[in-house]
N, C-alpha and C. Protein backbone atom coordinates (compact mmCIF):
# COMPACT_ATOMS: atom_id res chain seq x y z
N UNK A 1 97.22 84.17 112.55
CA UNK A 1 96.33 85.29 112.39
C UNK A 1 95.74 85.69 113.73
N UNK A 2 95.46 84.70 114.56
CA UNK A 2 94.89 85.00 115.88
C UNK A 2 95.83 85.91 116.67
N UNK A 3 97.10 85.60 116.69
CA UNK A 3 98.07 86.42 117.42
C UNK A 3 98.22 87.79 116.79
N UNK A 4 98.23 87.85 115.45
CA UNK A 4 98.38 89.13 114.76
C UNK A 4 97.20 90.05 115.07
N UNK A 5 96.01 89.49 115.15
CA UNK A 5 94.80 90.30 115.39
C UNK A 5 94.85 91.02 116.74
N UNK A 6 95.63 90.51 117.67
CA UNK A 6 95.75 91.18 118.97
C UNK A 6 96.43 92.54 118.85
N UNK A 7 97.34 92.67 117.87
CA UNK A 7 98.12 93.89 117.74
C UNK A 7 97.99 94.55 116.37
N UNK A 8 97.50 93.81 115.39
CA UNK A 8 97.38 94.32 114.03
C UNK A 8 96.22 95.29 113.90
N UNK A 9 96.06 95.82 112.73
CA UNK A 9 95.02 96.80 112.47
C UNK A 9 94.09 96.27 111.39
N UNK A 10 92.82 96.07 111.72
CA UNK A 10 91.84 95.61 110.76
C UNK A 10 90.93 96.75 110.37
N UNK A 11 90.49 96.73 109.12
CA UNK A 11 89.56 97.77 108.67
C UNK A 11 88.21 97.57 109.35
N UNK A 12 87.43 98.63 109.41
CA UNK A 12 86.10 98.58 110.00
C UNK A 12 85.12 98.10 108.93
N UNK A 13 85.19 96.81 108.62
CA UNK A 13 84.41 96.20 107.54
C UNK A 13 83.41 95.23 108.17
N UNK A 14 82.14 95.52 108.03
CA UNK A 14 81.10 94.68 108.66
C UNK A 14 81.15 93.24 108.19
N UNK A 15 81.42 93.04 106.90
CA UNK A 15 81.47 91.69 106.35
C UNK A 15 82.62 90.90 106.97
N UNK A 16 83.77 91.55 107.11
CA UNK A 16 84.93 90.89 107.71
C UNK A 16 84.67 90.58 109.18
N UNK A 17 84.11 91.52 109.89
CA UNK A 17 83.80 91.29 111.31
C UNK A 17 82.83 90.13 111.45
N UNK A 18 81.81 90.08 110.61
CA UNK A 18 80.84 88.98 110.65
C UNK A 18 81.53 87.65 110.37
N UNK A 19 82.40 87.63 109.38
CA UNK A 19 83.11 86.39 109.03
C UNK A 19 83.97 85.90 110.19
N UNK A 20 84.63 86.82 110.87
CA UNK A 20 85.56 86.42 111.93
C UNK A 20 84.88 86.08 113.25
N UNK A 21 83.65 86.54 113.43
CA UNK A 21 82.99 86.32 114.71
C UNK A 21 81.85 85.31 114.65
N UNK A 22 81.38 84.94 113.46
CA UNK A 22 80.21 84.09 113.35
C UNK A 22 80.50 82.60 113.52
N UNK A 23 81.68 82.17 113.18
CA UNK A 23 81.93 80.73 113.21
C UNK A 23 82.29 80.24 114.60
N UNK A 24 81.93 78.98 114.83
CA UNK A 24 82.26 78.33 116.10
C UNK A 24 83.61 77.64 115.98
N UNK A 25 84.20 77.34 117.09
CA UNK A 25 85.47 76.63 117.08
C UNK A 25 85.56 75.74 118.30
N UNK A 26 86.50 74.85 118.27
CA UNK A 26 86.77 73.95 119.38
C UNK A 26 88.24 73.58 119.34
N UNK A 27 88.59 72.55 120.08
CA UNK A 27 89.98 72.10 120.12
C UNK A 27 90.04 70.61 119.83
N UNK A 28 91.11 70.20 119.16
CA UNK A 28 91.27 68.77 118.89
C UNK A 28 92.07 68.13 120.02
N UNK A 29 92.46 66.88 119.82
CA UNK A 29 93.17 66.12 120.87
C UNK A 29 94.52 66.72 121.22
N UNK A 30 95.11 67.49 120.31
CA UNK A 30 96.42 68.10 120.57
C UNK A 30 96.29 69.56 121.01
N UNK A 31 95.08 69.98 121.34
CA UNK A 31 94.78 71.36 121.75
C UNK A 31 94.97 72.38 120.63
N UNK A 32 94.96 71.92 119.38
CA UNK A 32 94.99 72.85 118.25
C UNK A 32 93.56 73.34 118.01
N UNK A 33 93.42 74.57 117.58
CA UNK A 33 92.10 75.13 117.31
C UNK A 33 91.52 74.47 116.07
N UNK A 34 90.27 74.04 116.17
CA UNK A 34 89.54 73.47 115.03
C UNK A 34 88.37 74.39 114.73
N UNK A 35 88.41 74.99 113.54
CA UNK A 35 87.33 75.88 113.13
C UNK A 35 86.15 75.08 112.61
N UNK A 36 84.98 75.67 112.74
CA UNK A 36 83.75 75.06 112.26
C UNK A 36 83.82 74.83 110.74
N UNK A 37 83.33 73.70 110.29
CA UNK A 37 83.31 73.40 108.86
C UNK A 37 82.28 74.27 108.16
N UNK A 38 82.54 74.58 106.90
CA UNK A 38 81.62 75.42 106.13
C UNK A 38 80.26 74.75 105.96
N UNK A 39 80.24 73.43 105.83
CA UNK A 39 78.96 72.72 105.72
C UNK A 39 78.12 72.94 106.98
N UNK A 40 78.78 72.90 108.13
CA UNK A 40 78.06 73.12 109.39
C UNK A 40 77.57 74.57 109.49
N UNK A 41 78.36 75.51 108.97
CA UNK A 41 77.93 76.91 108.96
C UNK A 41 76.68 77.07 108.09
N UNK A 42 76.68 76.41 106.93
CA UNK A 42 75.51 76.48 106.04
C UNK A 42 74.27 75.93 106.72
N UNK A 43 74.44 74.84 107.48
CA UNK A 43 73.30 74.24 108.20
C UNK A 43 72.73 75.22 109.22
N UNK A 44 73.59 76.11 109.74
CA UNK A 44 73.12 77.12 110.70
C UNK A 44 72.62 78.38 109.99
N UNK A 45 72.64 78.35 108.65
CA UNK A 45 72.12 79.48 107.89
C UNK A 45 73.12 80.59 107.66
N UNK A 46 74.41 80.30 107.83
CA UNK A 46 75.45 81.31 107.63
C UNK A 46 76.10 81.14 106.26
N UNK A 47 76.52 82.24 105.69
CA UNK A 47 77.21 82.21 104.41
C UNK A 47 78.68 81.83 104.62
N UNK A 48 79.32 81.46 103.54
CA UNK A 48 80.74 81.14 103.59
C UNK A 48 81.53 82.40 103.98
N UNK A 49 82.50 82.28 104.88
CA UNK A 49 83.25 83.45 105.34
C UNK A 49 84.36 83.85 104.37
N UNK A 50 83.99 84.32 103.20
CA UNK A 50 84.96 84.61 102.14
C UNK A 50 85.99 85.66 102.55
N UNK A 51 85.54 86.75 103.18
CA UNK A 51 86.48 87.80 103.57
C UNK A 51 87.42 87.30 104.67
N UNK A 52 86.89 86.54 105.61
CA UNK A 52 87.73 85.96 106.66
C UNK A 52 88.73 84.98 106.10
N UNK A 53 88.30 84.17 105.12
CA UNK A 53 89.22 83.23 104.46
C UNK A 53 90.34 83.98 103.76
N UNK A 54 89.98 85.07 103.07
CA UNK A 54 90.98 85.85 102.34
C UNK A 54 92.02 86.42 103.31
N UNK A 55 91.56 86.94 104.44
CA UNK A 55 92.50 87.46 105.44
C UNK A 55 93.41 86.35 105.95
N UNK A 56 92.83 85.21 106.27
CA UNK A 56 93.62 84.09 106.79
C UNK A 56 94.67 83.64 105.79
N UNK A 57 94.34 83.67 104.50
CA UNK A 57 95.30 83.24 103.49
C UNK A 57 96.52 84.16 103.40
N UNK A 58 96.38 85.39 103.86
CA UNK A 58 97.55 86.28 103.84
C UNK A 58 98.61 85.83 104.83
N UNK A 59 98.25 84.92 105.72
CA UNK A 59 99.19 84.39 106.70
C UNK A 59 99.73 83.02 106.31
N UNK A 60 99.44 82.57 105.09
CA UNK A 60 99.84 81.24 104.65
C UNK A 60 101.35 81.10 104.52
N UNK A 61 102.03 82.16 104.15
CA UNK A 61 103.48 82.14 103.99
C UNK A 61 104.08 83.27 104.81
N UNK A 62 105.30 83.10 105.30
CA UNK A 62 105.93 84.18 106.06
C UNK A 62 106.11 85.43 105.19
N UNK A 63 106.00 86.56 105.82
CA UNK A 63 106.20 87.83 105.11
C UNK A 63 107.68 87.98 104.77
N UNK A 64 107.95 88.63 103.66
CA UNK A 64 109.32 88.87 103.23
C UNK A 64 109.92 89.97 104.08
N UNK A 65 111.07 89.72 104.65
CA UNK A 65 111.77 90.74 105.43
C UNK A 65 112.88 91.30 104.57
N UNK A 66 112.77 92.56 104.27
CA UNK A 66 113.74 93.20 103.38
C UNK A 66 115.09 93.36 104.07
N UNK A 67 116.13 93.10 103.30
CA UNK A 67 117.48 93.34 103.76
C UNK A 67 117.89 94.68 103.15
N UNK A 68 117.90 95.73 103.96
CA UNK A 68 118.13 97.08 103.46
C UNK A 68 119.48 97.23 102.75
N UNK A 69 120.50 96.59 103.28
CA UNK A 69 121.83 96.68 102.67
C UNK A 69 121.82 96.03 101.28
N UNK A 70 121.18 94.89 101.17
CA UNK A 70 121.09 94.20 99.88
C UNK A 70 120.27 95.05 98.89
N UNK A 71 119.20 95.66 99.35
CA UNK A 71 118.40 96.53 98.48
C UNK A 71 119.22 97.72 97.99
N UNK A 72 120.05 98.29 98.87
CA UNK A 72 120.90 99.44 98.49
C UNK A 72 121.90 99.02 97.42
N UNK A 73 122.55 97.87 97.63
CA UNK A 73 123.52 97.38 96.64
C UNK A 73 122.85 97.11 95.30
N UNK A 74 121.67 96.53 95.32
CA UNK A 74 120.93 96.26 94.08
C UNK A 74 120.58 97.56 93.37
N UNK A 75 120.17 98.56 94.12
CA UNK A 75 119.82 99.86 93.52
C UNK A 75 121.05 100.50 92.89
N UNK A 76 122.21 100.38 93.54
CA UNK A 76 123.44 100.94 92.99
C UNK A 76 123.83 100.21 91.70
N UNK A 77 123.73 98.89 91.69
CA UNK A 77 124.05 98.12 90.48
C UNK A 77 123.11 98.49 89.34
N UNK A 78 121.84 98.66 89.67
CA UNK A 78 120.87 99.04 88.65
C UNK A 78 121.19 100.42 88.07
N UNK A 79 121.57 101.34 88.94
CA UNK A 79 121.94 102.69 88.48
C UNK A 79 123.13 102.64 87.54
N UNK A 80 124.12 101.81 87.86
CA UNK A 80 125.31 101.66 87.00
C UNK A 80 124.90 101.10 85.64
N UNK A 81 124.05 100.09 85.64
CA UNK A 81 123.59 99.49 84.39
C UNK A 81 122.81 100.50 83.55
N UNK A 82 121.99 101.32 84.20
CA UNK A 82 121.21 102.32 83.46
C UNK A 82 122.15 103.34 82.81
N UNK A 83 123.22 103.72 83.51
CA UNK A 83 124.18 104.67 82.94
C UNK A 83 124.87 104.08 81.71
N UNK A 84 125.15 102.79 81.72
CA UNK A 84 125.81 102.13 80.61
C UNK A 84 124.90 102.06 79.37
N UNK A 85 123.61 101.92 79.61
CA UNK A 85 122.65 101.80 78.50
C UNK A 85 122.48 103.14 77.81
N UNK A 86 122.44 104.21 78.56
CA UNK A 86 122.17 105.54 77.99
C UNK A 86 123.40 106.16 77.43
């Protein structure tokens, strides 16, 4: 998500901006980013970053890359089947 945000387009949503900018982070022993725990955010008086979590979850699985040729063949097969039914 961090890399996508450099080039992606986010809506102008105050709640989302607050969620993405309010939490602290650090690095672990392997230099991986470690985000602040929600319990620690609550101790600082911050709400749970629900909108930020929702955005992050959209990156949990790779996006489906459509194969245009396969889609065309499927559409043609579907058209043939529809003609047979009618």
